[in-house]
N, C-alpha and C. Protein backbone atom coordinates (compact mmCIF):
# COMPACT_ATOMS: atom_id res chain seq x y z
N UNK A 1 0.83 -1.18 0.00
CA UNK A 1 0.00 0.00 0.00
C UNK A 1 0.88 1.25 0.00
N UNK A 2 0.47 2.25 -0.72
CA UNK A 2 1.22 3.50 -0.74
C UNK A 2 0.98 4.25 0.56
N UNK A 3 2.05 4.68 1.22
CA UNK A 3 1.93 5.45 2.46
C UNK A 3 2.27 6.91 2.27
N UNK A 4 2.70 7.31 1.08
CA UNK A 4 2.94 8.70 0.72
C UNK A 4 3.93 9.38 1.66
N UNK A 5 5.11 8.78 1.84
CA UNK A 5 6.11 9.39 2.70
C UNK A 5 6.77 10.60 2.06
N UNK A 6 7.19 10.46 0.82
CA UNK A 6 7.96 11.52 0.17
C UNK A 6 7.09 12.63 -0.37
N UNK A 7 5.99 12.29 -0.97
CA UNK A 7 5.12 13.32 -1.53
C UNK A 7 3.67 12.87 -1.38
N UNK A 8 2.78 13.72 -1.73
CA UNK A 8 1.36 13.41 -1.57
C UNK A 8 0.87 12.45 -2.63
N UNK A 9 1.44 12.49 -3.79
CA UNK A 9 1.00 11.61 -4.84
C UNK A 9 2.20 10.97 -5.50
N UNK A 10 2.11 9.71 -5.77
CA UNK A 10 3.16 9.01 -6.49
C UNK A 10 2.69 8.89 -7.94
N UNK A 11 3.04 9.88 -8.73
CA UNK A 11 2.54 9.92 -10.11
C UNK A 11 3.65 9.78 -11.14
N UNK A 12 4.90 9.72 -10.70
CA UNK A 12 5.99 9.65 -11.66
C UNK A 12 6.17 8.23 -12.17
N UNK A 13 6.98 8.07 -13.21
CA UNK A 13 7.28 6.75 -13.75
C UNK A 13 8.12 5.93 -12.78
N UNK A 14 8.80 6.60 -11.87
CA UNK A 14 9.70 5.92 -10.94
C UNK A 14 8.98 5.28 -9.76
N UNK A 15 7.68 5.50 -9.64
CA UNK A 15 6.91 4.94 -8.54
C UNK A 15 6.92 3.41 -8.64
N UNK A 16 7.35 2.74 -7.59
CA UNK A 16 7.47 1.28 -7.60
C UNK A 16 6.11 0.60 -7.78
N UNK A 17 5.07 1.18 -7.21
CA UNK A 17 3.76 0.57 -7.33
C UNK A 17 3.22 0.66 -8.75
N UNK A 18 3.63 1.68 -9.46
CA UNK A 18 3.18 1.83 -10.84
C UNK A 18 3.94 0.91 -11.79
N UNK A 19 5.19 0.63 -11.48
CA UNK A 19 6.00 -0.20 -12.36
C UNK A 19 5.74 -1.68 -12.17
N UNK A 20 5.54 -2.10 -10.91
CA UNK A 20 5.43 -3.53 -10.63
C UNK A 20 4.17 -3.82 -9.84
N UNK A 21 3.50 -4.87 -10.23
CA UNK A 21 2.32 -5.30 -9.48
C UNK A 21 2.61 -6.56 -8.67
N UNK A 22 3.89 -6.93 -8.58
CA UNK A 22 4.26 -8.13 -7.84
C UNK A 22 5.23 -7.78 -6.72
N UNK A 23 5.43 -8.73 -5.84
CA UNK A 23 6.27 -8.51 -4.66
C UNK A 23 7.73 -8.39 -5.05
N UNK A 24 8.55 -7.73 -4.19
CA UNK A 24 9.97 -7.61 -4.50
C UNK A 24 10.67 -8.96 -4.41
N UNK A 25 11.81 -9.06 -5.05
CA UNK A 25 12.58 -10.30 -5.04
C UNK A 25 12.74 -10.82 -6.45
N UNK A 26 13.68 -11.76 -6.61
CA UNK A 26 14.00 -12.26 -7.94
C UNK A 26 12.80 -12.94 -8.59
N UNK A 27 12.05 -13.71 -7.81
CA UNK A 27 10.94 -14.46 -8.38
C UNK A 27 9.59 -13.89 -7.97
N UNK A 28 9.57 -12.71 -7.38
CA UNK A 28 8.32 -12.06 -7.02
C UNK A 28 7.49 -12.86 -6.05
N UNK A 29 8.12 -13.40 -5.05
CA UNK A 29 7.51 -14.27 -4.04
C UNK A 29 5.98 -14.17 -3.99
N UNK A 30 5.35 -15.30 -4.02
CA UNK A 30 3.88 -15.33 -4.00
C UNK A 30 3.36 -14.79 -2.68
N UNK A 31 2.27 -14.07 -2.75
CA UNK A 31 1.68 -13.50 -1.54
C UNK A 31 0.92 -14.59 -0.80
N UNK A 32 1.24 -14.71 0.47
CA UNK A 32 0.60 -15.71 1.31
C UNK A 32 -0.50 -15.02 2.09
N UNK A 33 -1.62 -15.73 2.29
CA UNK A 33 -2.72 -15.16 3.05
C UNK A 33 -2.28 -14.96 4.50
N UNK A 34 -2.50 -13.76 5.02
CA UNK A 34 -2.08 -13.44 6.38
C UNK A 34 -3.09 -13.96 7.40
N UNK A 35 -2.59 -14.29 8.57
CA UNK A 35 -3.47 -14.68 9.66
C UNK A 35 -4.11 -13.42 10.24
N UNK A 36 -5.02 -13.60 11.18
CA UNK A 36 -5.66 -12.46 11.83
C UNK A 36 -4.62 -11.61 12.55
N UNK A 37 -3.69 -12.28 13.23
CA UNK A 37 -2.63 -11.56 13.93
C UNK A 37 -1.78 -10.77 12.93
N UNK A 38 -1.47 -11.37 11.78
CA UNK A 38 -0.67 -10.70 10.77
C UNK A 38 -1.36 -9.45 10.24
N UNK A 39 -2.67 -9.52 10.02
CA UNK A 39 -3.42 -8.35 9.57
C UNK A 39 -3.41 -7.25 10.61
N UNK A 40 -3.60 -7.64 11.88
CA UNK A 40 -3.61 -6.65 12.97
C UNK A 40 -2.25 -6.00 13.11
N UNK A 41 -1.19 -6.80 13.05
CA UNK A 41 0.16 -6.27 13.17
C UNK A 41 0.49 -5.34 12.01
N UNK A 42 0.10 -5.72 10.81
CA UNK A 42 0.38 -4.88 9.64
C UNK A 42 -0.35 -3.54 9.73
N UNK A 43 -1.56 -3.56 10.25
CA UNK A 43 -2.32 -2.31 10.40
C UNK A 43 -1.65 -1.39 11.42
N UNK A 44 -1.19 -1.98 12.52
CA UNK A 44 -0.50 -1.18 13.54
C UNK A 44 0.80 -0.60 12.97
N UNK A 45 1.55 -1.40 12.24
CA UNK A 45 2.81 -0.94 11.66
C UNK A 45 2.55 0.19 10.65
N UNK A 46 1.46 0.07 9.89
CA UNK A 46 1.12 1.09 8.91
C UNK A 46 0.85 2.42 9.61
N UNK A 47 0.06 2.40 10.69
CA UNK A 47 -0.26 3.63 11.40
C UNK A 47 0.99 4.22 12.04
N UNK A 48 1.84 3.37 12.60
CA UNK A 48 3.09 3.85 13.18
C UNK A 48 3.96 4.55 12.14
N UNK A 49 4.07 3.96 10.96
CA UNK A 49 4.89 4.55 9.90
C UNK A 49 4.30 5.85 9.39
N UNK A 50 2.99 5.90 9.23
CA UNK A 50 2.36 7.10 8.71
C UNK A 50 2.60 8.28 9.63
N UNK A 51 2.41 8.09 10.93
CA UNK A 51 2.54 9.19 11.88
C UNK A 51 3.97 9.35 12.41
N UNK A 52 4.90 8.45 12.07
CA UNK A 52 6.28 8.57 12.51
C UNK A 52 6.47 8.36 14.00
N UNK A 53 5.77 7.37 14.54
CA UNK A 53 5.81 7.09 15.98
C UNK A 53 6.48 5.74 16.19
N UNK A 54 7.30 5.63 17.22
CA UNK A 54 7.94 4.37 17.54
C UNK A 54 7.03 3.52 18.42
N UNK A 55 7.43 2.28 18.66
CA UNK A 55 6.57 1.31 19.34
C UNK A 55 6.19 1.73 20.75
N UNK A 56 7.15 2.15 21.55
CA UNK A 56 6.85 2.50 22.95
C UNK A 56 5.89 3.68 23.02
N UNK A 57 6.13 4.68 22.20
CA UNK A 57 5.26 5.85 22.20
C UNK A 57 3.86 5.49 21.71
N UNK A 58 3.78 4.61 20.71
CA UNK A 58 2.47 4.19 20.21
C UNK A 58 1.70 3.43 21.28
N UNK A 59 2.40 2.59 22.01
CA UNK A 59 1.75 1.84 23.10
C UNK A 59 1.24 2.80 24.18
N UNK A 60 2.00 3.85 24.48
CA UNK A 60 1.54 4.85 25.46
C UNK A 60 0.30 5.59 24.96
N UNK A 61 0.27 5.91 23.67
CA UNK A 61 -0.92 6.53 23.10
C UNK A 61 -2.13 5.61 23.28
N UNK A 62 -1.92 4.31 23.02
CA UNK A 62 -3.03 3.37 23.15
C UNK A 62 -3.50 3.27 24.60
N UNK A 63 -2.55 3.23 25.54
CA UNK A 63 -2.93 3.15 26.96
C UNK A 63 -3.70 4.39 27.39
N UNK A 64 -3.29 5.57 26.93
CA UNK A 64 -4.03 6.79 27.25
C UNK A 64 -5.42 6.77 26.62
N UNK A 65 -5.52 6.24 25.41
CA UNK A 65 -6.81 6.19 24.72
C UNK A 65 -7.79 5.24 25.43
N UNK A 66 -7.27 4.18 26.03
CA UNK A 66 -8.16 3.24 26.73
C UNK A 66 -8.70 3.85 28.01
N UNK A 67 -7.97 4.79 28.62
CA UNK A 67 -8.42 5.41 29.86
C UNK A 67 -9.51 6.46 29.64
N UNK A 68 -9.64 6.96 28.42
CA UNK A 68 -10.63 7.99 28.11
C UNK A 68 -11.92 7.31 27.68
N UNK A 69 -13.04 7.83 28.16
CA UNK A 69 -14.34 7.25 27.78
C UNK A 69 -14.62 7.51 26.32
N UNK A 70 -15.13 6.49 25.65
CA UNK A 70 -15.45 6.60 24.24
C UNK A 70 -14.89 5.41 23.48
N UNK A 71 -14.94 5.47 22.17
CA UNK A 71 -14.43 4.41 21.32
C UNK A 71 -12.90 4.54 21.27
N UNK A 72 -12.22 3.51 21.73
CA UNK A 72 -10.76 3.56 21.89
C UNK A 72 -10.05 3.85 20.57
N UNK A 73 -10.46 3.20 19.50
CA UNK A 73 -9.80 3.41 18.21
C UNK A 73 -9.94 4.83 17.70
N UNK A 74 -11.12 5.42 17.87
CA UNK A 74 -11.33 6.80 17.42
C UNK A 74 -10.53 7.78 18.26
N UNK A 75 -10.46 7.53 19.55
CA UNK A 75 -9.69 8.40 20.45
C UNK A 75 -8.20 8.31 20.12
N UNK A 76 -7.72 7.09 19.82
CA UNK A 76 -6.32 6.89 19.45
C UNK A 76 -5.96 7.69 18.20
N UNK A 77 -6.81 7.60 17.18
CA UNK A 77 -6.54 8.35 15.95
C UNK A 77 -6.63 9.85 16.18
N UNK A 78 -7.55 10.28 17.03
CA UNK A 78 -7.66 11.70 17.35
C UNK A 78 -6.40 12.21 18.04
N UNK A 79 -5.85 11.40 18.94
CA UNK A 79 -4.62 11.80 19.63
C UNK A 79 -3.45 11.88 18.65
N UNK A 80 -3.38 10.94 17.72
CA UNK A 80 -2.30 10.97 16.74
C UNK A 80 -2.45 12.16 15.80
N UNK A 81 -3.68 12.50 15.43
CA UNK A 81 -3.90 13.65 14.56
C UNK A 81 -3.54 14.97 15.24
N UNK A 82 -3.69 15.04 16.55
CA UNK A 82 -3.44 16.28 17.27
C UNK A 82 -1.98 16.48 17.63
N UNK A 83 -1.10 15.59 17.20
CA UNK A 83 0.34 15.81 17.40
C UNK A 83 0.75 17.08 16.64
N UNK A 84 1.66 17.86 17.22
CA UNK A 84 2.03 19.14 16.62
C UNK A 84 2.62 18.98 15.23
N UNK A 85 3.48 17.97 15.03
CA UNK A 85 4.07 17.79 13.70
C UNK A 85 2.99 17.44 12.68
N UNK A 86 2.00 16.67 13.07
CA UNK A 86 0.92 16.33 12.15
C UNK A 86 0.04 17.55 11.85
N UNK A 87 -0.19 18.39 12.86
CA UNK A 87 -1.01 19.59 12.65
C UNK A 87 -0.33 20.53 11.65
N UNK A 88 0.99 20.70 11.79
CA UNK A 88 1.73 21.55 10.84
C UNK A 88 1.63 20.97 9.43
N UNK A 89 1.72 19.64 9.32
CA UNK A 89 1.58 18.98 8.01
C UNK A 89 0.17 19.15 7.47
N UNK A 90 -0.84 18.97 8.31
CA UNK A 90 -2.23 19.10 7.86
C UNK A 90 -2.59 20.53 7.46
N UNK A 91 -1.90 21.51 8.05
CA UNK A 91 -2.11 22.91 7.65
C UNK A 91 -1.41 23.25 6.34
N UNK A 92 -0.76 22.25 5.73
CA UNK A 92 -0.04 22.38 4.46
C UNK A 92 1.17 23.31 4.56
N UNK A 93 1.74 23.48 5.75
CA UNK A 93 2.92 24.33 5.90
C UNK A 93 4.20 23.58 5.57
N UNK A 94 4.11 22.27 5.40
CA UNK A 94 5.26 21.47 4.96
C UNK A 94 4.74 20.35 4.06
N UNK A 95 5.56 19.91 3.12
CA UNK A 95 5.09 18.89 2.19
C UNK A 95 4.98 17.49 2.78
N UNK A 96 5.76 17.19 3.82
CA UNK A 96 5.72 15.86 4.43
C UNK A 96 5.68 15.97 5.94
N UNK A 97 5.29 14.88 6.59
CA UNK A 97 5.28 14.87 8.06
C UNK A 97 6.70 14.93 8.61
N UNK A 98 7.65 14.33 7.91
CA UNK A 98 9.04 14.37 8.37
C UNK A 98 9.57 15.79 8.36
N UNK A 99 9.25 16.55 7.34
CA UNK A 99 9.71 17.93 7.28
C UNK A 99 9.01 18.77 8.34
N UNK A 100 7.74 18.48 8.59
CA UNK A 100 7.02 19.19 9.65
C UNK A 100 7.65 18.89 11.00
N UNK A 101 8.04 17.64 11.21
CA UNK A 101 8.70 17.24 12.45
C UNK A 101 10.01 18.00 12.62
N UNK A 102 10.76 18.15 11.53
CA UNK A 102 12.02 18.87 11.61
C UNK A 102 11.80 20.34 11.92
N UNK A 103 10.75 20.94 11.34
CA UNK A 103 10.44 22.34 11.64
C UNK A 103 10.14 22.51 13.13
N UNK A 104 9.40 21.56 13.69
CA UNK A 104 9.05 21.65 15.11
C UNK A 104 10.30 21.45 15.97
N UNK A 105 11.11 20.46 15.64
CA UNK A 105 12.33 20.18 16.42
C UNK A 105 13.31 21.34 16.40
N UNK A 106 13.35 22.08 15.31
CA UNK A 106 14.27 23.21 15.20
C UNK A 106 13.71 24.49 15.81
N UNK A 107 12.55 24.39 16.44
CA UNK A 107 12.00 25.54 17.15
C UNK A 107 11.38 26.58 16.25
N UNK A 108 10.87 26.18 15.10
CA UNK A 108 10.28 27.14 14.15
C UNK A 108 8.77 27.30 14.34
N UNK A 109 8.18 26.55 15.28
CA UNK A 109 6.72 26.56 15.46
C UNK A 109 6.39 27.07 16.86
N UNK A 110 5.40 27.96 16.92
CA UNK A 110 4.91 28.47 18.20
C UNK A 110 3.44 28.08 18.37
N UNK A 111 3.09 27.69 19.59
CA UNK A 111 1.71 27.39 19.92
C UNK A 111 1.27 28.39 20.98
N UNK A 112 0.25 29.15 20.67
CA UNK A 112 -0.26 30.20 21.56
C UNK A 112 0.84 31.18 21.98
N UNK A 113 1.74 31.50 21.05
CA UNK A 113 2.79 32.48 21.30
C UNK A 113 4.03 31.93 21.98
N UNK A 114 4.06 30.63 22.33
CA UNK A 114 5.23 30.04 22.98
C UNK A 114 5.88 29.04 22.05
N UNK A 115 7.20 29.10 21.99
CA UNK A 115 7.95 28.17 21.14
C UNK A 115 7.81 26.76 21.69
N UNK A 116 7.48 25.82 20.82
CA UNK A 116 7.37 24.41 21.19
C UNK A 116 8.26 23.62 20.25
N UNK A 117 9.18 22.84 20.83
CA UNK A 117 10.08 22.04 20.00
C UNK A 117 9.90 20.55 20.24
N UNK A 118 8.70 20.14 20.65
CA UNK A 118 8.39 18.74 20.89
C UNK A 118 7.37 18.31 19.84
N UNK A 119 7.76 17.42 18.91
CA UNK A 119 6.83 17.03 17.84
C UNK A 119 5.58 16.33 18.35
N UNK A 120 5.65 15.64 19.49
CA UNK A 120 4.50 14.90 20.00
C UNK A 120 3.59 15.75 20.88
N UNK A 121 3.83 17.06 20.94
CA UNK A 121 3.01 17.96 21.74
C UNK A 121 1.55 17.85 21.29
N UNK A 122 0.65 17.63 22.23
CA UNK A 122 -0.78 17.51 21.92
C UNK A 122 -1.40 18.90 21.82
N UNK A 123 -1.83 19.25 20.63
CA UNK A 123 -2.45 20.55 20.39
C UNK A 123 -3.88 20.50 20.90
N UNK A 124 -4.27 21.47 21.70
CA UNK A 124 -5.60 21.50 22.27
C UNK A 124 -6.58 22.32 21.45
N UNK A 125 -7.79 22.38 21.94
CA UNK A 125 -8.85 23.15 21.29
C UNK A 125 -8.53 24.64 21.36
N UNK A 126 -8.80 25.37 20.30
CA UNK A 126 -8.56 26.82 20.17
C UNK A 126 -7.09 27.20 20.24
N UNK A 127 -6.19 26.26 20.00
CA UNK A 127 -4.76 26.58 19.98
C UNK A 127 -4.41 27.29 18.68
N UNK A 128 -3.54 28.29 18.78
CA UNK A 128 -3.08 29.04 17.61
C UNK A 128 -1.66 28.61 17.29
N UNK A 129 -1.41 28.25 16.04
CA UNK A 129 -0.11 27.79 15.60
C UNK A 129 0.44 28.82 14.62
N UNK A 130 1.63 29.34 14.89
CA UNK A 130 2.28 30.23 13.94
C UNK A 130 3.75 29.85 13.82
N UNK A 131 4.40 30.38 12.80
CA UNK A 131 5.77 30.01 12.49
C UNK A 131 6.71 31.17 12.77
N UNK A 132 7.91 30.84 13.27
CA UNK A 132 8.97 31.83 13.45
C UNK A 132 10.04 31.50 12.41
N UNK A 133 9.96 32.17 11.26
CA UNK A 133 10.87 31.87 10.16
C UNK A 133 11.51 33.14 9.64
N UNK A 134 12.66 32.95 8.99
CA UNK A 134 13.30 34.07 8.29
C UNK A 134 12.68 34.19 6.89
N UNK A 135 13.19 35.11 6.10
CA UNK A 135 12.62 35.36 4.77
C UNK A 135 12.63 34.11 3.90
N UNK A 136 13.75 33.37 3.91
CA UNK A 136 13.85 32.17 3.07
C UNK A 136 12.86 31.10 3.53
N UNK A 137 12.68 30.95 4.83
CA UNK A 137 11.74 29.97 5.36
C UNK A 137 10.31 30.31 5.00
N UNK A 138 9.98 31.59 5.10
CA UNK A 138 8.62 32.03 4.74
C UNK A 138 8.37 31.78 3.26
N UNK A 139 9.39 32.00 2.44
CA UNK A 139 9.25 31.77 1.01
C UNK A 139 8.99 30.29 0.73
N UNK A 140 9.69 29.39 1.44
CA UNK A 140 9.50 27.95 1.25
C UNK A 140 8.09 27.52 1.68
N UNK A 141 7.61 28.07 2.79
CA UNK A 141 6.27 27.72 3.25
C UNK A 141 5.23 28.21 2.26
N UNK A 142 5.40 29.39 1.73
CA UNK A 142 4.44 29.91 0.73
C UNK A 142 4.47 29.05 -0.55
N UNK A 143 5.67 28.61 -0.95
CA UNK A 143 5.76 27.71 -2.11
C UNK A 143 5.04 26.40 -1.83
N UNK A 144 5.19 25.91 -0.61
CA UNK A 144 4.52 24.66 -0.23
C UNK A 144 3.01 24.84 -0.25
N UNK A 145 2.53 25.97 0.23
CA UNK A 145 1.09 26.25 0.21
C UNK A 145 0.57 26.35 -1.22
N UNK A 146 1.37 26.96 -2.11
CA UNK A 146 0.97 27.07 -3.51
C UNK A 146 0.93 25.69 -4.18
N UNK A 147 1.94 24.87 -3.87
CA UNK A 147 2.02 23.55 -4.50
C UNK A 147 0.89 22.63 -4.04
N UNK A 148 0.38 22.85 -2.84
CA UNK A 148 -0.65 21.95 -2.30
C UNK A 148 -2.02 22.61 -2.25
N UNK A 149 -2.27 23.51 -3.18
CA UNK A 149 -3.58 24.19 -3.21
C UNK A 149 -4.73 23.25 -3.46
N UNK A 150 -4.47 22.16 -4.20
CA UNK A 150 -5.54 21.22 -4.52
C UNK A 150 -5.97 20.38 -3.31
N UNK A 151 -5.13 20.33 -2.28
CA UNK A 151 -5.48 19.58 -1.07
C UNK A 151 -6.32 20.47 -0.15
N UNK A 152 -7.27 19.85 0.48
CA UNK A 152 -8.11 20.62 1.40
C UNK A 152 -7.59 20.47 2.82
N UNK A 153 -7.80 21.49 3.59
CA UNK A 153 -7.43 21.46 5.01
C UNK A 153 -8.58 20.79 5.75
N UNK A 154 -8.28 19.91 6.72
CA UNK A 154 -9.35 19.24 7.45
C UNK A 154 -10.29 20.24 8.13
N UNK A 155 -11.56 19.87 8.31
CA UNK A 155 -12.53 20.81 8.87
C UNK A 155 -12.25 21.19 10.33
N UNK A 156 -11.40 20.45 11.01
CA UNK A 156 -11.11 20.77 12.41
C UNK A 156 -9.97 21.78 12.54
N UNK A 157 -9.39 22.20 11.40
CA UNK A 157 -8.32 23.19 11.38
C UNK A 157 -8.74 24.40 10.55
N UNK A 158 -8.12 25.54 10.85
CA UNK A 158 -8.37 26.76 10.10
C UNK A 158 -7.02 27.40 9.78
N UNK A 159 -6.81 27.82 8.55
CA UNK A 159 -5.54 28.41 8.12
C UNK A 159 -5.77 29.82 7.61
N UNK A 160 -4.91 30.74 8.08
CA UNK A 160 -4.89 32.10 7.56
C UNK A 160 -3.61 32.23 6.76
N UNK A 161 -3.73 32.22 5.44
CA UNK A 161 -2.54 32.18 4.58
C UNK A 161 -1.79 33.50 4.53
N UNK A 162 -2.43 34.61 4.86
CA UNK A 162 -1.74 35.90 4.78
C UNK A 162 -0.65 36.02 5.84
N UNK A 163 -0.95 35.65 7.08
CA UNK A 163 0.08 35.75 8.12
C UNK A 163 0.58 34.37 8.58
N UNK A 164 0.29 33.33 7.81
CA UNK A 164 0.77 31.97 8.08
C UNK A 164 0.48 31.51 9.51
N UNK A 165 -0.76 31.62 9.92
CA UNK A 165 -1.17 31.10 11.23
C UNK A 165 -2.32 30.14 11.04
N UNK A 166 -2.38 29.18 11.93
CA UNK A 166 -3.46 28.21 11.92
C UNK A 166 -4.05 28.08 13.30
N UNK A 167 -5.24 27.55 13.37
CA UNK A 167 -5.87 27.35 14.67
C UNK A 167 -6.69 26.07 14.63
N UNK A 168 -6.89 25.50 15.83
CA UNK A 168 -7.69 24.29 15.97
C UNK A 168 -9.11 24.73 16.31
N UNK A 169 -10.03 24.52 15.39
CA UNK A 169 -11.41 24.96 15.56
C UNK A 169 -12.19 23.98 16.44
N UNK A 170 -11.96 22.69 16.21
CA UNK A 170 -12.60 21.64 17.01
C UNK A 170 -11.67 20.44 17.05
N UNK A 171 -11.94 19.51 17.93
CA UNK A 171 -11.11 18.32 18.01
C UNK A 171 -11.46 17.38 16.86
N UNK A 172 -10.47 16.67 16.32
CA UNK A 172 -10.74 15.81 15.16
C UNK A 172 -11.61 14.62 15.52
N UNK A 173 -12.55 14.32 14.66
CA UNK A 173 -13.40 13.14 14.79
C UNK A 173 -12.95 12.10 13.77
N UNK A 174 -13.48 10.91 13.86
CA UNK A 174 -13.09 9.83 12.95
C UNK A 174 -13.43 10.19 11.50
N UNK A 175 -14.52 10.89 11.29
CA UNK A 175 -14.91 11.26 9.93
C UNK A 175 -13.94 12.24 9.29
N UNK A 176 -13.21 13.00 10.11
CA UNK A 176 -12.27 14.00 9.59
C UNK A 176 -10.95 13.38 9.14
N UNK A 177 -10.69 12.14 9.53
CA UNK A 177 -9.43 11.47 9.20
C UNK A 177 -9.66 10.63 7.96
N UNK A 178 -9.04 11.02 6.86
CA UNK A 178 -9.31 10.39 5.57
C UNK A 178 -8.38 9.22 5.26
N UNK A 179 -7.45 8.90 6.16
CA UNK A 179 -6.52 7.80 5.90
C UNK A 179 -7.26 6.47 5.94
N UNK A 180 -6.86 5.51 5.08
CA UNK A 180 -7.51 4.19 5.09
C UNK A 180 -6.99 3.33 6.25
N UNK A 181 -7.48 3.62 7.45
CA UNK A 181 -7.01 2.93 8.65
C UNK A 181 -8.18 2.16 9.25
N UNK A 182 -7.91 0.91 9.62
CA UNK A 182 -8.90 0.09 10.32
C UNK A 182 -8.47 0.03 11.78
N UNK A 183 -8.89 1.01 12.56
CA UNK A 183 -8.44 1.13 13.94
C UNK A 183 -8.91 -0.02 14.82
N UNK A 184 -9.98 -0.70 14.41
CA UNK A 184 -10.49 -1.82 15.20
C UNK A 184 -9.46 -2.95 15.27
N UNK A 185 -8.70 -3.15 14.20
CA UNK A 185 -7.65 -4.18 14.21
C UNK A 185 -6.57 -3.86 15.22
N UNK A 186 -6.24 -2.58 15.37
CA UNK A 186 -5.21 -2.18 16.34
C UNK A 186 -5.72 -2.42 17.76
N UNK A 187 -6.98 -2.08 18.00
CA UNK A 187 -7.57 -2.31 19.33
C UNK A 187 -7.59 -3.79 19.65
N UNK A 188 -7.93 -4.62 18.66
CA UNK A 188 -7.94 -6.07 18.88
C UNK A 188 -6.53 -6.59 19.17
N UNK A 189 -5.54 -6.04 18.48
CA UNK A 189 -4.15 -6.49 18.70
C UNK A 189 -3.70 -6.21 20.11
N UNK A 190 -3.95 -5.00 20.61
CA UNK A 190 -3.49 -4.66 21.95
C UNK A 190 -4.39 -5.21 23.05
N UNK A 191 -5.56 -5.69 22.70
CA UNK A 191 -6.47 -6.23 23.71
C UNK A 191 -6.19 -7.71 24.05
N UNK A 192 -5.25 -8.31 23.35
CA UNK A 192 -4.94 -9.73 23.62
C UNK A 192 -4.25 -9.90 24.94
């Protein structure tokens, strides 16, 4: 499955999924039907890779999600969406989550007027996100916004393109997350 790490769309001729419809290897190893555990593990690994979270941190997110009343899978995805690096990416201020993470780590992002350099910072309701950049950085962010005009910003976020600030209008719900994730498999995996 395409996880879109480098860019939003894999449309070039060099895209591996476009060139080959078979598995890697000399003989294109036949795909074996996965067990239930294999499907659950693969789904968890996919979500970890998409959001750039390691195993221990992902397990902590799951434990926090189980303590909150509501559907555990939806709460888990909401917590992952509210990570600061993901919010910067969703506001289209960077082309990838990795670049958004680097912007946060280098202290280029402020939340409610205070510099935050922790990518896993949980952005709350009505939080204002702005950037502290020099002229070249502002130019790169504007280019990124221009390049990603066809992408829509999620309804739980609001972007002001003139002064490059964003805000959290409401907390993300499951309907706002467009990724093809089956969170029930992750809940089943950790519930064993």
